[in-house]
N, C-alpha and C. Protein backbone atom coordinates (compact mmCIF):
# COMPACT_ATOMS: atom_id res chain seq x y z
N MET A 1 0.84 -1.19 0.00
CA MET A 1 0.00 0.00 0.00
C MET A 1 0.88 1.24 0.00
N SER A 2 0.69 2.12 -0.99
CA SER A 2 1.48 3.35 -1.08
C SER A 2 1.01 4.35 -0.05
N ARG A 3 1.97 5.13 0.47
CA ARG A 3 1.64 6.16 1.45
C ARG A 3 1.31 7.47 0.77
N ALA A 4 0.39 8.19 1.40
CA ALA A 4 0.05 9.54 0.95
C ALA A 4 -0.13 10.41 2.18
N VAL A 5 0.14 11.69 2.02
CA VAL A 5 -0.12 12.65 3.10
C VAL A 5 -1.27 13.54 2.65
N VAL A 6 -2.14 13.88 3.60
CA VAL A 6 -3.36 14.60 3.28
C VAL A 6 -3.48 15.81 4.20
N LEU A 7 -3.64 16.99 3.62
CA LEU A 7 -3.86 18.20 4.39
C LEU A 7 -5.33 18.23 4.81
N LEU A 8 -5.57 18.19 6.11
CA LEU A 8 -6.93 18.03 6.62
C LEU A 8 -7.30 19.21 7.50
N SER A 9 -8.30 19.99 7.06
CA SER A 9 -8.74 21.14 7.84
C SER A 9 -9.96 20.83 8.68
N GLY A 10 -10.65 19.74 8.36
CA GLY A 10 -11.92 19.43 9.02
C GLY A 10 -13.12 19.91 8.25
N GLY A 11 -12.88 20.57 7.10
CA GLY A 11 -13.97 21.06 6.27
C GLY A 11 -14.47 20.02 5.27
N LEU A 12 -15.48 20.38 4.53
CA LEU A 12 -16.09 19.48 3.56
C LEU A 12 -15.09 19.02 2.51
N ASP A 13 -14.32 19.96 1.95
CA ASP A 13 -13.44 19.62 0.84
C ASP A 13 -12.28 18.72 1.27
N SER A 14 -11.61 19.07 2.35
CA SER A 14 -10.47 18.26 2.77
C SER A 14 -10.91 16.88 3.26
N THR A 15 -12.08 16.81 3.87
CA THR A 15 -12.60 15.52 4.32
C THR A 15 -12.91 14.62 3.13
N THR A 16 -13.54 15.19 2.12
CA THR A 16 -13.83 14.42 0.91
C THR A 16 -12.55 13.99 0.23
N THR A 17 -11.55 14.85 0.23
CA THR A 17 -10.26 14.51 -0.36
C THR A 17 -9.63 13.32 0.35
N LEU A 18 -9.70 13.30 1.68
CA LEU A 18 -9.18 12.16 2.44
C LEU A 18 -9.93 10.89 2.06
N ALA A 19 -11.25 10.98 1.93
CA ALA A 19 -12.04 9.82 1.55
C ALA A 19 -11.66 9.32 0.16
N VAL A 20 -11.41 10.25 -0.77
CA VAL A 20 -10.98 9.87 -2.12
C VAL A 20 -9.64 9.15 -2.06
N ALA A 21 -8.69 9.70 -1.33
CA ALA A 21 -7.36 9.09 -1.23
C ALA A 21 -7.45 7.67 -0.67
N ARG A 22 -8.26 7.49 0.36
CA ARG A 22 -8.44 6.16 0.94
C ARG A 22 -9.11 5.22 -0.05
N SER A 23 -10.09 5.72 -0.82
CA SER A 23 -10.77 4.87 -1.79
C SER A 23 -9.84 4.42 -2.91
N GLN A 24 -8.76 5.18 -3.12
CA GLN A 24 -7.77 4.82 -4.13
C GLN A 24 -6.70 3.89 -3.60
N GLY A 25 -6.84 3.49 -2.35
CA GLY A 25 -5.96 2.48 -1.79
C GLY A 25 -4.73 3.01 -1.07
N TYR A 26 -4.66 4.31 -0.82
CA TYR A 26 -3.50 4.88 -0.15
C TYR A 26 -3.58 4.69 1.37
N GLU A 27 -2.42 4.49 1.97
CA GLU A 27 -2.28 4.59 3.43
C GLU A 27 -2.14 6.07 3.74
N CYS A 28 -3.15 6.64 4.37
CA CYS A 28 -3.22 8.10 4.49
C CYS A 28 -2.75 8.60 5.85
N HIS A 29 -1.83 9.55 5.81
CA HIS A 29 -1.33 10.22 7.01
C HIS A 29 -1.77 11.68 6.93
N THR A 30 -2.55 12.11 7.91
CA THR A 30 -3.16 13.44 7.84
C THR A 30 -2.40 14.47 8.66
N LEU A 31 -2.46 15.71 8.18
CA LEU A 31 -1.81 16.83 8.85
C LEU A 31 -2.81 17.98 8.96
N THR A 32 -3.02 18.44 10.17
CA THR A 32 -3.85 19.62 10.43
C THR A 32 -2.97 20.71 11.01
N VAL A 33 -3.13 21.93 10.51
CA VAL A 33 -2.28 23.04 10.96
C VAL A 33 -3.11 24.01 11.78
N ASP A 34 -2.69 24.19 13.01
CA ASP A 34 -3.27 25.23 13.88
C ASP A 34 -2.47 26.49 13.61
N TYR A 35 -2.97 27.30 12.67
CA TYR A 35 -2.22 28.49 12.25
C TYR A 35 -2.70 29.76 12.96
N GLY A 36 -3.45 29.57 14.04
CA GLY A 36 -3.94 30.71 14.79
C GLY A 36 -5.29 31.18 14.33
N GLN A 37 -6.01 30.34 13.59
CA GLN A 37 -7.34 30.72 13.12
C GLN A 37 -8.27 30.99 14.29
N ARG A 38 -9.10 32.00 14.12
CA ARG A 38 -10.00 32.41 15.21
C ARG A 38 -11.07 31.36 15.47
N HIS A 39 -11.46 30.62 14.46
CA HIS A 39 -12.49 29.59 14.63
C HIS A 39 -11.80 28.26 14.93
N ARG A 40 -11.85 27.85 16.19
CA ARG A 40 -11.14 26.67 16.64
C ARG A 40 -11.92 25.38 16.39
N ILE A 41 -13.19 25.51 16.08
CA ILE A 41 -14.04 24.34 15.92
C ILE A 41 -13.53 23.43 14.82
N GLU A 42 -12.93 24.01 13.78
CA GLU A 42 -12.48 23.18 12.67
C GLU A 42 -11.34 22.25 13.08
N LEU A 43 -10.53 22.64 14.06
CA LEU A 43 -9.45 21.78 14.52
C LEU A 43 -10.00 20.51 15.17
N GLU A 44 -11.05 20.70 15.95
CA GLU A 44 -11.71 19.55 16.57
C GLU A 44 -12.36 18.67 15.51
N ALA A 45 -12.93 19.31 14.48
CA ALA A 45 -13.54 18.56 13.39
C ALA A 45 -12.50 17.71 12.67
N ALA A 46 -11.31 18.26 12.46
CA ALA A 46 -10.26 17.51 11.79
C ALA A 46 -9.86 16.28 12.58
N ASP A 47 -9.78 16.42 13.90
CA ASP A 47 -9.46 15.25 14.75
C ASP A 47 -10.52 14.17 14.59
N ARG A 48 -11.79 14.58 14.58
CA ARG A 48 -12.88 13.61 14.44
C ARG A 48 -12.84 12.91 13.08
N VAL A 49 -12.61 13.69 12.05
CA VAL A 49 -12.59 13.14 10.70
C VAL A 49 -11.46 12.15 10.53
N ALA A 50 -10.27 12.51 11.01
CA ALA A 50 -9.12 11.61 10.88
C ALA A 50 -9.39 10.27 11.55
N ALA A 51 -10.02 10.30 12.72
CA ALA A 51 -10.33 9.06 13.43
C ALA A 51 -11.41 8.27 12.69
N ALA A 52 -12.45 8.96 12.24
CA ALA A 52 -13.58 8.28 11.60
C ALA A 52 -13.21 7.67 10.26
N LEU A 53 -12.31 8.34 9.52
CA LEU A 53 -11.94 7.85 8.19
C LEU A 53 -10.69 6.97 8.21
N GLY A 54 -10.22 6.65 9.39
CA GLY A 54 -9.16 5.66 9.51
C GLY A 54 -7.80 6.11 9.04
N ALA A 55 -7.42 7.36 9.33
CA ALA A 55 -6.08 7.81 8.97
C ALA A 55 -5.04 6.97 9.70
N ALA A 56 -3.98 6.61 8.99
CA ALA A 56 -2.92 5.79 9.59
C ALA A 56 -2.21 6.56 10.70
N SER A 57 -2.12 7.87 10.55
CA SER A 57 -1.61 8.74 11.61
C SER A 57 -2.20 10.12 11.40
N HIS A 58 -2.27 10.87 12.48
CA HIS A 58 -2.84 12.22 12.40
C HIS A 58 -2.00 13.14 13.27
N ARG A 59 -1.54 14.23 12.67
CA ARG A 59 -0.71 15.19 13.38
C ARG A 59 -1.35 16.57 13.34
N ARG A 60 -1.19 17.30 14.45
CA ARG A 60 -1.60 18.70 14.47
C ARG A 60 -0.35 19.53 14.75
N VAL A 61 -0.04 20.43 13.83
CA VAL A 61 1.15 21.26 13.92
C VAL A 61 0.72 22.69 14.18
N ALA A 62 1.37 23.36 15.13
CA ALA A 62 1.05 24.74 15.46
C ALA A 62 2.00 25.70 14.74
N MET A 63 1.43 26.70 14.09
CA MET A 63 2.20 27.75 13.43
C MET A 63 1.37 29.02 13.50
N ASP A 64 1.77 29.95 14.32
CA ASP A 64 0.91 31.09 14.64
C ASP A 64 1.02 32.19 13.59
N LEU A 65 0.12 32.16 12.61
CA LEU A 65 0.10 33.19 11.58
C LEU A 65 -0.59 34.46 12.05
N ARG A 66 -1.06 34.48 13.29
CA ARG A 66 -1.60 35.73 13.84
C ARG A 66 -0.51 36.78 13.95
N ALA A 67 0.74 36.33 14.08
CA ALA A 67 1.85 37.28 14.16
C ALA A 67 2.01 38.05 12.86
N ILE A 68 1.52 37.48 11.76
CA ILE A 68 1.55 38.17 10.47
C ILE A 68 0.25 38.93 10.24
N GLY A 69 -0.86 38.28 10.57
CA GLY A 69 -2.16 38.93 10.41
C GLY A 69 -2.56 39.06 8.95
N GLY A 70 -3.37 40.08 8.67
CA GLY A 70 -3.76 40.36 7.30
C GLY A 70 -4.93 39.56 6.79
N SER A 71 -5.61 38.83 7.68
CA SER A 71 -6.75 38.03 7.26
C SER A 71 -7.86 38.10 8.30
N ALA A 72 -9.09 38.02 7.84
CA ALA A 72 -10.22 37.99 8.77
C ALA A 72 -10.24 36.71 9.59
N LEU A 73 -9.45 35.71 9.19
CA LEU A 73 -9.41 34.46 9.94
C LEU A 73 -8.35 34.47 11.05
N THR A 74 -7.42 35.42 10.99
CA THR A 74 -6.35 35.47 11.98
C THR A 74 -6.19 36.82 12.65
N ASP A 75 -6.92 37.81 12.20
CA ASP A 75 -6.72 39.18 12.66
C ASP A 75 -8.08 39.79 13.03
N ASP A 76 -8.05 40.97 13.59
CA ASP A 76 -9.29 41.64 13.98
C ASP A 76 -9.92 42.37 12.79
N ILE A 77 -10.29 41.58 11.81
CA ILE A 77 -10.91 42.08 10.59
C ILE A 77 -12.26 41.38 10.47
N PRO A 78 -13.34 42.11 10.22
CA PRO A 78 -14.66 41.48 10.14
C PRO A 78 -14.75 40.44 9.02
N VAL A 79 -15.40 39.34 9.30
CA VAL A 79 -15.67 38.34 8.28
C VAL A 79 -16.83 38.83 7.41
N PRO A 80 -16.66 38.93 6.10
CA PRO A 80 -17.74 39.42 5.24
C PRO A 80 -18.95 38.50 5.29
N LYS A 81 -20.12 39.09 5.22
CA LYS A 81 -21.37 38.33 5.23
C LYS A 81 -22.21 38.71 4.01
N ASP A 82 -22.99 37.75 3.56
CA ASP A 82 -23.96 37.95 2.48
C ASP A 82 -23.31 38.45 1.19
N ALA A 83 -22.09 38.02 0.94
CA ALA A 83 -21.41 38.38 -0.30
C ALA A 83 -21.67 37.31 -1.36
N ARG A 84 -21.12 37.50 -2.53
CA ARG A 84 -21.20 36.50 -3.59
C ARG A 84 -19.81 35.93 -3.80
N PRO A 85 -19.53 34.76 -3.21
CA PRO A 85 -18.18 34.19 -3.28
C PRO A 85 -17.69 34.04 -4.72
N GLY A 86 -16.44 34.41 -4.92
CA GLY A 86 -15.83 34.27 -6.24
C GLY A 86 -16.01 35.48 -7.13
N GLU A 87 -16.86 36.43 -6.71
CA GLU A 87 -17.06 37.63 -7.50
C GLU A 87 -16.34 38.80 -6.82
N GLY A 88 -15.69 39.63 -7.60
CA GLY A 88 -14.97 40.77 -7.04
C GLY A 88 -13.56 40.39 -6.62
N PRO A 89 -12.92 41.25 -5.83
CA PRO A 89 -11.53 41.01 -5.42
C PRO A 89 -11.42 39.85 -4.44
N VAL A 90 -10.18 39.41 -4.21
CA VAL A 90 -9.93 38.35 -3.23
C VAL A 90 -10.44 38.82 -1.87
N PRO A 91 -11.26 38.04 -1.19
CA PRO A 91 -11.89 38.50 0.05
C PRO A 91 -10.92 38.54 1.22
N PRO A 92 -11.28 39.27 2.29
CA PRO A 92 -10.39 39.38 3.46
C PRO A 92 -10.22 38.09 4.23
N THR A 93 -10.98 37.05 3.91
CA THR A 93 -10.76 35.74 4.56
C THR A 93 -9.56 35.01 3.97
N TYR A 94 -9.00 35.54 2.89
CA TYR A 94 -7.74 34.98 2.36
C TYR A 94 -6.65 35.16 3.40
N VAL A 95 -5.93 34.07 3.69
CA VAL A 95 -4.80 34.11 4.62
C VAL A 95 -3.53 34.19 3.78
N PRO A 96 -2.73 35.25 3.92
CA PRO A 96 -1.57 35.44 3.06
C PRO A 96 -0.67 34.20 2.97
N ALA A 97 -0.52 33.71 1.74
CA ALA A 97 0.38 32.58 1.41
C ALA A 97 0.04 31.30 2.17
N ARG A 98 -1.22 31.15 2.61
CA ARG A 98 -1.55 30.00 3.46
C ARG A 98 -1.24 28.66 2.81
N ASN A 99 -1.72 28.43 1.60
CA ASN A 99 -1.49 27.11 1.01
C ASN A 99 -0.02 26.85 0.71
N THR A 100 0.74 27.89 0.44
CA THR A 100 2.19 27.71 0.28
C THR A 100 2.81 27.22 1.58
N ILE A 101 2.40 27.83 2.67
CA ILE A 101 2.94 27.45 3.98
C ILE A 101 2.47 26.05 4.38
N LEU A 102 1.18 25.79 4.22
CA LEU A 102 0.64 24.50 4.65
C LEU A 102 1.16 23.36 3.79
N LEU A 103 1.26 23.59 2.49
CA LEU A 103 1.82 22.54 1.63
C LEU A 103 3.30 22.33 1.92
N GLY A 104 3.99 23.38 2.34
CA GLY A 104 5.39 23.22 2.75
C GLY A 104 5.52 22.28 3.93
N LEU A 105 4.64 22.43 4.91
CA LEU A 105 4.64 21.52 6.06
C LEU A 105 4.27 20.10 5.62
N LEU A 106 3.28 20.00 4.74
CA LEU A 106 2.86 18.68 4.25
C LEU A 106 4.00 18.02 3.48
N LEU A 107 4.74 18.80 2.72
CA LEU A 107 5.88 18.28 1.98
C LEU A 107 6.95 17.73 2.93
N GLY A 108 7.19 18.46 4.02
CA GLY A 108 8.15 17.97 5.01
C GLY A 108 7.73 16.63 5.58
N LEU A 109 6.44 16.49 5.89
CA LEU A 109 5.95 15.23 6.42
C LEU A 109 6.07 14.13 5.37
N ALA A 110 5.77 14.45 4.13
CA ALA A 110 5.88 13.46 3.06
C ALA A 110 7.32 12.95 2.94
N GLU A 111 8.28 13.85 3.02
CA GLU A 111 9.67 13.44 2.89
C GLU A 111 10.07 12.54 4.05
N VAL A 112 9.63 12.86 5.25
CA VAL A 112 9.96 12.04 6.42
C VAL A 112 9.35 10.64 6.30
N LEU A 113 8.11 10.57 5.81
CA LEU A 113 7.40 9.29 5.73
C LEU A 113 7.71 8.51 4.46
N GLY A 114 8.42 9.11 3.54
CA GLY A 114 8.68 8.44 2.27
C GLY A 114 7.49 8.44 1.34
N ALA A 115 6.57 9.37 1.54
CA ALA A 115 5.39 9.50 0.67
C ALA A 115 5.72 10.44 -0.49
N ARG A 116 5.07 10.19 -1.61
CA ARG A 116 5.29 11.05 -2.78
C ARG A 116 3.99 11.70 -3.26
N GLU A 117 2.87 11.35 -2.65
CA GLU A 117 1.58 11.89 -3.03
C GLU A 117 1.09 12.84 -1.94
N LEU A 118 0.86 14.11 -2.31
CA LEU A 118 0.37 15.12 -1.38
C LEU A 118 -1.05 15.50 -1.79
N PHE A 119 -2.01 15.18 -0.95
CA PHE A 119 -3.41 15.46 -1.26
C PHE A 119 -3.87 16.75 -0.57
N ILE A 120 -4.56 17.58 -1.33
CA ILE A 120 -5.10 18.82 -0.80
C ILE A 120 -6.49 19.04 -1.38
N GLY A 121 -7.40 19.59 -0.59
CA GLY A 121 -8.77 19.79 -1.03
C GLY A 121 -9.00 21.09 -1.77
N ALA A 122 -8.03 21.53 -2.55
CA ALA A 122 -8.18 22.78 -3.32
C ALA A 122 -9.28 22.63 -4.35
N ASN A 123 -10.01 23.72 -4.57
CA ASN A 123 -11.12 23.73 -5.51
C ASN A 123 -11.11 25.05 -6.27
N ALA A 124 -11.25 24.96 -7.58
CA ALA A 124 -11.18 26.17 -8.41
C ALA A 124 -12.51 26.48 -9.09
N VAL A 125 -13.60 25.86 -8.61
CA VAL A 125 -14.91 26.10 -9.21
C VAL A 125 -15.78 26.90 -8.25
N ASP A 126 -16.36 26.25 -7.24
CA ASP A 126 -17.16 26.94 -6.23
C ASP A 126 -16.27 27.27 -5.04
N TYR A 127 -15.60 28.42 -5.09
CA TYR A 127 -14.70 28.81 -4.01
C TYR A 127 -14.71 30.32 -3.91
N SER A 128 -13.88 30.86 -3.04
CA SER A 128 -13.94 32.30 -2.75
C SER A 128 -12.94 33.14 -3.54
N GLY A 129 -12.29 32.55 -4.53
CA GLY A 129 -11.38 33.33 -5.36
C GLY A 129 -9.96 33.41 -4.83
N TYR A 130 -9.56 32.46 -4.00
CA TYR A 130 -8.20 32.48 -3.45
C TYR A 130 -7.18 32.11 -4.54
N PRO A 131 -6.11 32.87 -4.69
CA PRO A 131 -5.14 32.59 -5.75
C PRO A 131 -4.39 31.27 -5.55
N ASP A 132 -4.27 30.81 -4.30
CA ASP A 132 -3.51 29.58 -4.05
C ASP A 132 -4.38 28.32 -4.12
N CYS A 133 -5.52 28.42 -4.82
CA CYS A 133 -6.35 27.25 -5.13
C CYS A 133 -6.35 26.97 -6.63
N ARG A 134 -5.53 27.68 -7.38
CA ARG A 134 -5.52 27.55 -8.83
C ARG A 134 -4.61 26.40 -9.28
N PRO A 135 -4.93 25.76 -10.40
CA PRO A 135 -4.07 24.68 -10.92
C PRO A 135 -2.63 25.12 -11.15
N GLU A 136 -2.44 26.37 -11.60
CA GLU A 136 -1.08 26.85 -11.85
C GLU A 136 -0.23 26.83 -10.58
N PHE A 137 -0.85 27.20 -9.47
CA PHE A 137 -0.12 27.19 -8.21
C PHE A 137 0.29 25.78 -7.83
N LEU A 138 -0.62 24.83 -7.96
CA LEU A 138 -0.33 23.45 -7.56
C LEU A 138 0.79 22.85 -8.42
N ARG A 139 0.78 23.12 -9.72
CA ARG A 139 1.84 22.60 -10.60
C ARG A 139 3.18 23.26 -10.24
N ALA A 140 3.16 24.54 -9.94
CA ALA A 140 4.39 25.22 -9.56
C ALA A 140 4.95 24.65 -8.27
N PHE A 141 4.07 24.27 -7.35
CA PHE A 141 4.55 23.70 -6.08
C PHE A 141 5.21 22.36 -6.31
N GLU A 142 4.75 21.59 -7.28
CA GLU A 142 5.41 20.32 -7.58
C GLU A 142 6.86 20.55 -8.01
N THR A 143 7.08 21.59 -8.81
CA THR A 143 8.45 21.93 -9.21
C THR A 143 9.29 22.32 -8.00
N LEU A 144 8.70 23.16 -7.14
CA LEU A 144 9.39 23.55 -5.91
C LEU A 144 9.74 22.33 -5.07
N ALA A 145 8.80 21.38 -4.95
CA ALA A 145 9.02 20.20 -4.11
C ALA A 145 10.22 19.39 -4.59
N ARG A 146 10.38 19.29 -5.89
CA ARG A 146 11.51 18.53 -6.43
C ARG A 146 12.83 19.24 -6.14
N LEU A 147 12.82 20.57 -6.21
CA LEU A 147 14.05 21.33 -6.04
C LEU A 147 14.40 21.60 -4.58
N ALA A 148 13.41 21.57 -3.70
CA ALA A 148 13.61 22.01 -2.32
C ALA A 148 13.88 20.88 -1.33
N THR A 149 13.82 19.63 -1.78
CA THR A 149 13.94 18.51 -0.85
C THR A 149 15.17 17.66 -1.14
N ARG A 150 15.65 16.99 -0.11
CA ARG A 150 16.76 16.05 -0.29
C ARG A 150 16.32 14.90 -1.18
N ALA A 151 15.08 14.43 -0.98
CA ALA A 151 14.58 13.32 -1.79
C ALA A 151 14.56 13.69 -3.27
N GLY A 152 14.24 14.95 -3.56
CA GLY A 152 14.22 15.39 -4.94
C GLY A 152 15.60 15.62 -5.51
N ALA A 153 16.45 16.25 -4.71
CA ALA A 153 17.79 16.61 -5.19
C ALA A 153 18.70 15.39 -5.31
N ASP A 154 18.66 14.49 -4.31
CA ASP A 154 19.56 13.34 -4.31
C ASP A 154 19.01 12.16 -5.07
N GLY A 155 17.71 11.93 -4.92
CA GLY A 155 17.14 10.73 -5.52
C GLY A 155 16.25 10.98 -6.70
N GLY A 156 16.05 12.24 -7.05
CA GLY A 156 15.19 12.54 -8.18
C GLY A 156 13.72 12.25 -7.93
N ALA A 157 13.32 12.25 -6.65
CA ALA A 157 11.93 11.94 -6.32
C ALA A 157 10.99 12.98 -6.92
N ALA A 158 9.91 12.49 -7.46
CA ALA A 158 8.90 13.38 -8.03
C ALA A 158 7.68 13.39 -7.11
N PHE A 159 7.49 14.48 -6.41
CA PHE A 159 6.32 14.63 -5.55
C PHE A 159 5.15 15.09 -6.41
N ARG A 160 3.97 14.53 -6.16
CA ARG A 160 2.78 14.94 -6.89
C ARG A 160 1.78 15.59 -5.93
N VAL A 161 1.29 16.75 -6.32
CA VAL A 161 0.24 17.41 -5.55
C VAL A 161 -1.09 16.97 -6.16
N ARG A 162 -1.87 16.25 -5.38
CA ARG A 162 -3.12 15.70 -5.86
C ARG A 162 -4.28 16.54 -5.33
N ALA A 163 -5.09 17.04 -6.22
CA ALA A 163 -6.26 17.85 -5.86
C ALA A 163 -7.48 17.28 -6.57
N PRO A 164 -8.03 16.18 -6.06
CA PRO A 164 -9.10 15.48 -6.78
C PRO A 164 -10.40 16.26 -6.92
N LEU A 165 -10.55 17.34 -6.14
CA LEU A 165 -11.78 18.13 -6.20
C LEU A 165 -11.61 19.40 -7.02
N LEU A 166 -10.48 19.58 -7.63
CA LEU A 166 -10.10 20.87 -8.22
C LEU A 166 -11.15 21.40 -9.19
N HIS A 167 -11.73 20.53 -9.99
CA HIS A 167 -12.65 20.98 -11.04
C HIS A 167 -14.10 20.57 -10.77
N LEU A 168 -14.42 20.28 -9.51
CA LEU A 168 -15.78 19.89 -9.15
C LEU A 168 -16.53 21.06 -8.52
N SER A 169 -17.83 21.11 -8.75
CA SER A 169 -18.67 22.08 -8.06
C SER A 169 -18.90 21.59 -6.64
N LYS A 170 -19.42 22.47 -5.77
CA LYS A 170 -19.71 22.06 -4.40
C LYS A 170 -20.75 20.95 -4.37
N ALA A 171 -21.75 21.03 -5.26
CA ALA A 171 -22.76 19.98 -5.32
C ALA A 171 -22.13 18.64 -5.69
N GLU A 172 -21.20 18.66 -6.63
CA GLU A 172 -20.52 17.42 -7.02
C GLU A 172 -19.66 16.88 -5.88
N ILE A 173 -19.08 17.77 -5.10
CA ILE A 173 -18.28 17.34 -3.94
C ILE A 173 -19.17 16.68 -2.90
N VAL A 174 -20.33 17.29 -2.64
CA VAL A 174 -21.26 16.70 -1.67
C VAL A 174 -21.71 15.32 -2.13
N ARG A 175 -22.03 15.19 -3.41
CA ARG A 175 -22.46 13.89 -3.93
C ARG A 175 -21.34 12.86 -3.84
N LEU A 176 -20.12 13.27 -4.15
CA LEU A 176 -18.98 12.36 -4.07
C LEU A 176 -18.76 11.88 -2.64
N ALA A 177 -18.80 12.82 -1.69
CA ALA A 177 -18.63 12.45 -0.29
C ALA A 177 -19.72 11.48 0.16
N THR A 178 -20.94 11.74 -0.28
CA THR A 178 -22.06 10.87 0.07
C THR A 178 -21.87 9.48 -0.52
N ASP A 179 -21.44 9.42 -1.78
CA ASP A 179 -21.19 8.13 -2.43
C ASP A 179 -20.10 7.34 -1.73
N LEU A 180 -19.14 8.06 -1.14
CA LEU A 180 -18.03 7.39 -0.44
C LEU A 180 -18.38 7.07 1.01
N GLY A 181 -19.59 7.40 1.41
CA GLY A 181 -20.05 7.06 2.75
C GLY A 181 -19.53 7.95 3.86
N VAL A 182 -19.15 9.17 3.52
CA VAL A 182 -18.61 10.09 4.53
C VAL A 182 -19.74 10.64 5.40
N ASP A 183 -19.52 10.65 6.70
CA ASP A 183 -20.47 11.28 7.63
C ASP A 183 -20.18 12.78 7.64
N LEU A 184 -20.96 13.54 6.88
CA LEU A 184 -20.69 14.95 6.71
C LEU A 184 -21.03 15.78 7.94
N SER A 185 -21.70 15.17 8.92
CA SER A 185 -21.96 15.89 10.17
C SER A 185 -20.66 16.10 10.95
N LEU A 186 -19.60 15.37 10.59
CA LEU A 186 -18.31 15.53 11.27
C LEU A 186 -17.56 16.76 10.79
N THR A 187 -17.95 17.31 9.64
CA THR A 187 -17.19 18.40 9.02
C THR A 187 -17.67 19.77 9.49
N TRP A 188 -16.79 20.74 9.32
CA TRP A 188 -17.11 22.12 9.70
C TRP A 188 -16.60 23.08 8.64
N SER A 189 -17.43 24.06 8.25
CA SER A 189 -17.06 24.99 7.19
C SER A 189 -17.07 26.46 7.58
N CYS A 190 -17.85 26.84 8.58
CA CYS A 190 -18.10 28.26 8.88
C CYS A 190 -16.86 29.03 9.30
N TYR A 191 -16.73 30.25 8.77
CA TYR A 191 -15.62 31.13 9.13
C TYR A 191 -15.88 31.90 10.42
N ASP A 192 -17.12 32.00 10.82
CA ASP A 192 -17.46 32.89 11.94
C ASP A 192 -18.54 32.27 12.85
N PRO A 193 -18.21 31.15 13.50
CA PRO A 193 -19.21 30.46 14.33
C PRO A 193 -19.58 31.27 15.57
N THR A 194 -20.76 30.98 16.10
CA THR A 194 -21.22 31.63 17.31
C THR A 194 -20.55 30.98 18.53
N PRO A 195 -20.57 31.66 19.68
CA PRO A 195 -19.95 31.08 20.88
C PRO A 195 -20.53 29.72 21.28
N ASP A 196 -21.80 29.48 20.92
CA ASP A 196 -22.42 28.20 21.29
C ASP A 196 -22.23 27.14 20.20
N GLY A 197 -21.36 27.41 19.22
CA GLY A 197 -20.98 26.38 18.27
C GLY A 197 -21.89 26.20 17.08
N ARG A 198 -22.61 27.25 16.69
CA ARG A 198 -23.43 27.17 15.49
C ARG A 198 -22.78 27.97 14.35
N ALA A 199 -23.06 27.53 13.13
CA ALA A 199 -22.52 28.22 11.95
C ALA A 199 -23.34 29.47 11.65
N CYS A 200 -22.64 30.53 11.19
CA CYS A 200 -23.33 31.80 10.96
C CYS A 200 -24.33 31.73 9.82
N GLY A 201 -24.03 30.89 8.81
CA GLY A 201 -24.93 30.75 7.68
C GLY A 201 -24.81 31.82 6.63
N ARG A 202 -23.92 32.81 6.83
CA ARG A 202 -23.87 33.96 5.93
C ARG A 202 -22.48 34.28 5.39
N CYS A 203 -21.43 33.68 5.92
CA CYS A 203 -20.09 33.92 5.40
C CYS A 203 -19.94 33.18 4.06
N ASP A 204 -18.84 33.47 3.35
CA ASP A 204 -18.62 32.83 2.05
C ASP A 204 -18.66 31.31 2.16
N SER A 205 -18.00 30.78 3.17
CA SER A 205 -17.90 29.32 3.29
C SER A 205 -19.26 28.70 3.57
N CYS A 206 -20.04 29.31 4.43
CA CYS A 206 -21.40 28.81 4.69
C CYS A 206 -22.26 28.90 3.42
N THR A 207 -22.15 30.02 2.71
CA THR A 207 -22.93 30.22 1.49
C THR A 207 -22.64 29.13 0.47
N LEU A 208 -21.36 28.85 0.26
CA LEU A 208 -20.97 27.83 -0.71
C LEU A 208 -21.40 26.43 -0.25
N ARG A 209 -21.25 26.17 1.04
CA ARG A 209 -21.64 24.86 1.56
C ARG A 209 -23.15 24.64 1.38
N ARG A 210 -23.94 25.63 1.80
CA ARG A 210 -25.39 25.49 1.71
C ARG A 210 -25.84 25.32 0.26
N LYS A 211 -25.24 26.09 -0.62
CA LYS A 211 -25.56 25.98 -2.05
C LYS A 211 -25.24 24.58 -2.56
N GLY A 212 -24.10 24.03 -2.15
CA GLY A 212 -23.71 22.71 -2.60
C GLY A 212 -24.68 21.63 -2.13
N PHE A 213 -25.06 21.67 -0.86
CA PHE A 213 -25.99 20.67 -0.34
C PHE A 213 -27.35 20.80 -1.02
N GLU A 214 -27.82 22.04 -1.19
CA GLU A 214 -29.12 22.25 -1.82
C GLU A 214 -29.14 21.72 -3.25
N GLU A 215 -28.09 22.03 -4.02
CA GLU A 215 -28.05 21.59 -5.41
C GLU A 215 -27.85 20.09 -5.52
N ALA A 216 -27.20 19.49 -4.53
CA ALA A 216 -26.99 18.05 -4.53
C ALA A 216 -28.23 17.29 -4.05
N GLY A 217 -29.18 18.01 -3.44
CA GLY A 217 -30.36 17.36 -2.91
C GLY A 217 -30.07 16.53 -1.68
N VAL A 218 -29.06 16.97 -0.90
CA VAL A 218 -28.66 16.26 0.31
C VAL A 218 -28.88 17.17 1.50
N SER A 219 -29.38 16.62 2.59
CA SER A 219 -29.63 17.40 3.80
C SER A 219 -28.31 17.81 4.45
N ASP A 220 -28.18 19.09 4.76
CA ASP A 220 -26.97 19.61 5.40
C ASP A 220 -27.12 19.49 6.91
N PRO A 221 -26.24 18.72 7.57
CA PRO A 221 -26.37 18.52 9.02
C PRO A 221 -25.83 19.67 9.86
N THR A 222 -25.33 20.74 9.24
CA THR A 222 -24.75 21.85 9.97
C THR A 222 -25.82 22.62 10.77
N PRO A 223 -25.55 22.93 12.04
CA PRO A 223 -26.47 23.78 12.80
C PRO A 223 -26.22 25.26 12.48
N TYR A 224 -27.11 25.86 11.71
CA TYR A 224 -26.97 27.26 11.31
C TYR A 224 -27.78 28.16 12.22
N THR A 225 -27.33 29.40 12.37
CA THR A 225 -28.10 30.38 13.14
C THR A 225 -29.23 30.97 12.32
N THR A 226 -29.01 31.07 11.01
CA THR A 226 -30.04 31.63 10.11
C THR A 226 -30.21 30.74 8.90
C-alpha cells in the first residue's frame, strides 16, 4: 500500500479529499495546521474526521500566523457576510500565502514518511477566489518540491500534488462524499461560528456549503443560526 499525506482542515473539501485518497488504496497520514485561526471548531472537526476515516496517523502542527495577520481568519478584521463568493476582489478571509505554507509543512511530512503523493482539497470552481487554489499554483509547487527537498535533489523523487476536487462544483463534492459514505456531520465549514458552536450561515464558506448541499439534494447537518 502506497503512502500519501493529506492536508486536513476538518472542512467538507479536505474531508472528501481524504475519503478519495483512501478509496484509491493509499495509506493516508493526515496533517492539520493550527495556524492561529479564530475559529477553533475546525481543529476539533479535523481530529474527528481523521479518526472516523481511519487515517494511519494524524498530526496537528502549530504555526501562529496571527503574528503576520492580514486576514479575517487570523486578525481583527470582520468576516464578510452575504457576499457572492468568487465575485470581485480576493476576500479578506484569504490568509496570506496560506497554502504555500501548509503545503510546505505537508511536503516535510511526506519526505519524512517516504510518501510522494500530497493530497489537498483545493477547488477552483465553487470557491472564494483564493489565488492559491488555482491549478497553476499546484503545478508550480510540484516543481518547488523537487528542487527544495533532499529526496528530490539526491534521488530525483517526483512529488505529486493531488487535488481530486479541483474541477468539481460544491454539489458534485457533496455527492462524491455521500457516495463514499462520509459522515458529513463531522465536518465544519463556517468562518465565523457563534460562541455556542453554530454556523453563521452567511459567510462565504457557509454560502458555498449550503448551495452545494441544496443543489446536490442532500440534507446539510450543519447547525446554522439563520
